[in-house]
Each structure stands twice: as C-alpha cells, then as structure tokens.
Amino acid sequence: MTDTVKPYLVVDSDDKDLRHRIDTPEYQAFLAWTRSEGITPENARRCEVFDACDGKPPYAVLTMYELGDKGVRIYDEVTEEMVTYTDIVTLSSLPPLREVSG
C-alpha cells in the first residue's frame, strides 16, 4: 500500500455530481456491494477502492464519520466540520462498477 498506487474507484459523498446519480441502478449496486463488504455507506464520507497487488487482496481506504453515543454524526464547532476517521478494510471482491460518475 503505497501513495503511488492509483485507486480502482473513488466515491466521495461531497461530490455534487454524485447526488444526481444516487437513484441509478449502478449506484444502488455499489451501495449493496459496500454493505456486503461490511461497510455502512451512510456513515462513509469517502471510499477509495484499490485493486489487489503483489498477492494481497483488494482493500478500501475509508473516511468514516465519527458517531456519538446515539449514533449521530459528531460536529466539531471549531473546524465547523463533521468529525471523521480513516479506516482500511480488506475486501473480498471489487465493486460491480468502475466509476460512479460515468
């Protein structure tokens, strides 16, 4: 996992174009895939999927929203942004599409 490896797919919830594609069958298939991989898409801010290399399985670098005790996203009043953290998840498969914004 190096910085020179390009992602297979990037989905960012702040992408304004993505909002126009949320109801497409392709995006719904992507959401179903994330759930099958144990990822909760509603809590994900960004998902970068990397293909397998050097005998290692595919993986995703996730920027996830930090949730409070009641399962609500935490807002940082100083930065005026939602609090996030990064997680790396090993995947059993690649998503059913190569790009969401196609």
Protein backbone atom coordinates (compact mmCIF):
# COMPACT_ATOMS: atom_id res chain seq x y z
CA MET A 1 0.00 0.00 0.00
CA THR A 2 1.92 2.97 -1.27
CA ASP A 3 0.99 6.51 -2.22
CA THR A 4 1.86 5.76 -5.88
CA VAL A 5 -0.93 3.22 -6.30
CA LYS A 6 -3.95 4.72 -8.04
CA PRO A 7 -7.41 3.82 -6.74
CA TYR A 8 -9.61 1.48 -8.76
CA LEU A 9 -12.63 3.58 -7.73
CA VAL A 10 -13.23 6.68 -5.61
CA VAL A 11 -16.66 7.64 -4.29
CA ASP A 12 -16.88 10.87 -2.32
CA SER A 13 -20.15 11.91 -0.69
CA ASP A 14 -19.27 15.59 -1.19
CA ASP A 15 -19.16 15.12 -4.98
CA LYS A 16 -22.05 17.28 -6.24
CA ASP A 17 -22.36 15.16 -9.42
CA LEU A 18 -22.86 12.05 -7.31
CA ARG A 19 -26.08 13.45 -5.87
CA HIS A 20 -27.66 13.26 -9.35
CA ARG A 21 -26.80 9.56 -9.63
CA ILE A 22 -27.94 8.27 -6.25
CA ASP A 23 -31.08 6.65 -7.65
CA THR A 24 -29.37 4.94 -10.59
CA PRO A 25 -29.17 1.13 -10.67
CA GLU A 26 -25.36 1.37 -10.84
CA TYR A 27 -25.11 3.39 -7.64
CA GLN A 28 -27.63 1.17 -5.86
CA ALA A 29 -25.48 -1.83 -6.86
CA PHE A 30 -22.46 -0.03 -5.38
CA LEU A 31 -24.35 0.53 -2.11
CA ALA A 32 -25.36 -3.15 -1.97
CA TRP A 33 -21.72 -4.12 -2.58
CA THR A 34 -20.48 -1.86 0.26
CA ARG A 35 -22.95 -3.45 2.65
CA SER A 36 -21.87 -6.93 1.54
CA GLU A 37 -18.29 -5.92 2.42
CA GLY A 38 -19.35 -4.81 5.93
CA ILE A 39 -19.17 -1.10 5.13
CA THR A 40 -22.04 1.15 6.24
CA PRO A 41 -22.33 3.58 3.32
CA GLU A 42 -24.48 6.04 5.28
CA ASN A 43 -21.52 6.60 7.63
CA ALA A 44 -18.88 6.82 4.92
CA ARG A 45 -17.64 10.21 3.77
CA ARG A 46 -15.22 8.79 1.15
CA CYS A 47 -14.40 5.34 -0.19
CA GLU A 48 -11.22 4.66 -2.16
CA VAL A 49 -11.02 1.12 -3.53
CA PHE A 50 -7.67 -0.37 -4.51
CA ASP A 51 -7.27 -3.49 -6.64
CA ALA A 52 -5.20 -6.43 -5.45
CA CYS A 53 -1.46 -6.22 -6.00
CA ASP A 54 1.61 -8.20 -5.00
CA GLY A 55 -0.57 -11.13 -3.96
CA LYS A 56 -2.57 -9.02 -1.49
CA PRO A 57 -6.38 -8.83 -1.63
CA PRO A 58 -8.19 -5.67 -2.70
CA TYR A 59 -8.77 -3.10 0.02
CA ALA A 60 -10.59 0.15 0.69
CA VAL A 61 -9.40 3.28 2.45
CA LEU A 62 -12.47 4.74 4.09
CA THR A 63 -13.07 8.15 5.58
CA MET A 64 -15.85 7.46 8.05
CA TYR A 65 -17.96 9.86 10.08
CA GLU A 66 -17.40 9.58 13.83
CA LEU A 67 -20.67 8.74 15.56
CA GLY A 68 -21.71 9.77 19.06
CA ASP A 69 -23.43 7.65 21.71
CA LYS A 70 -26.81 7.97 19.97
CA GLY A 71 -25.42 7.05 16.54
CA VAL A 72 -25.46 10.66 15.34
CA ARG A 73 -22.55 12.22 13.46
CA ILE A 74 -20.33 14.40 15.65
CA TYR A 75 -19.93 18.05 14.58
CA ASP A 76 -16.78 19.97 15.54
CA GLU A 77 -17.78 23.55 16.24
CA VAL A 78 -14.17 24.77 16.00
CA THR A 79 -13.50 23.41 12.48
CA GLU A 80 -17.20 23.62 11.52
CA GLU A 81 -16.96 20.13 10.01
CA MET A 82 -18.14 16.67 10.86
CA VAL A 83 -15.54 14.61 12.74
CA THR A 84 -14.08 11.78 10.62
CA TYR A 85 -11.52 9.00 10.95
CA THR A 86 -9.72 6.78 8.45
CA ASP A 87 -10.16 3.02 8.30
CA ILE A 88 -8.59 0.44 5.97
CA VAL A 89 -10.72 -2.58 5.13
CA THR A 90 -9.68 -5.75 3.30
CA LEU A 91 -12.25 -6.59 0.62
CA SER A 92 -13.46 -9.95 -0.66
CA SER A 93 -14.31 -8.50 -4.08
CA LEU A 94 -14.16 -5.36 -6.19
CA PRO A 95 -17.27 -3.21 -6.65
CA PRO A 96 -19.63 -4.00 -9.52
CA LEU A 97 -18.66 -0.82 -11.37
CA ARG A 98 -15.50 1.04 -12.24
CA GLU A 99 -16.83 4.56 -11.80
CA VAL A 100 -19.95 6.01 -10.27
CA SER A 101 -19.88 9.30 -12.12
CA GLY A 102 -19.74 7.53 -15.55
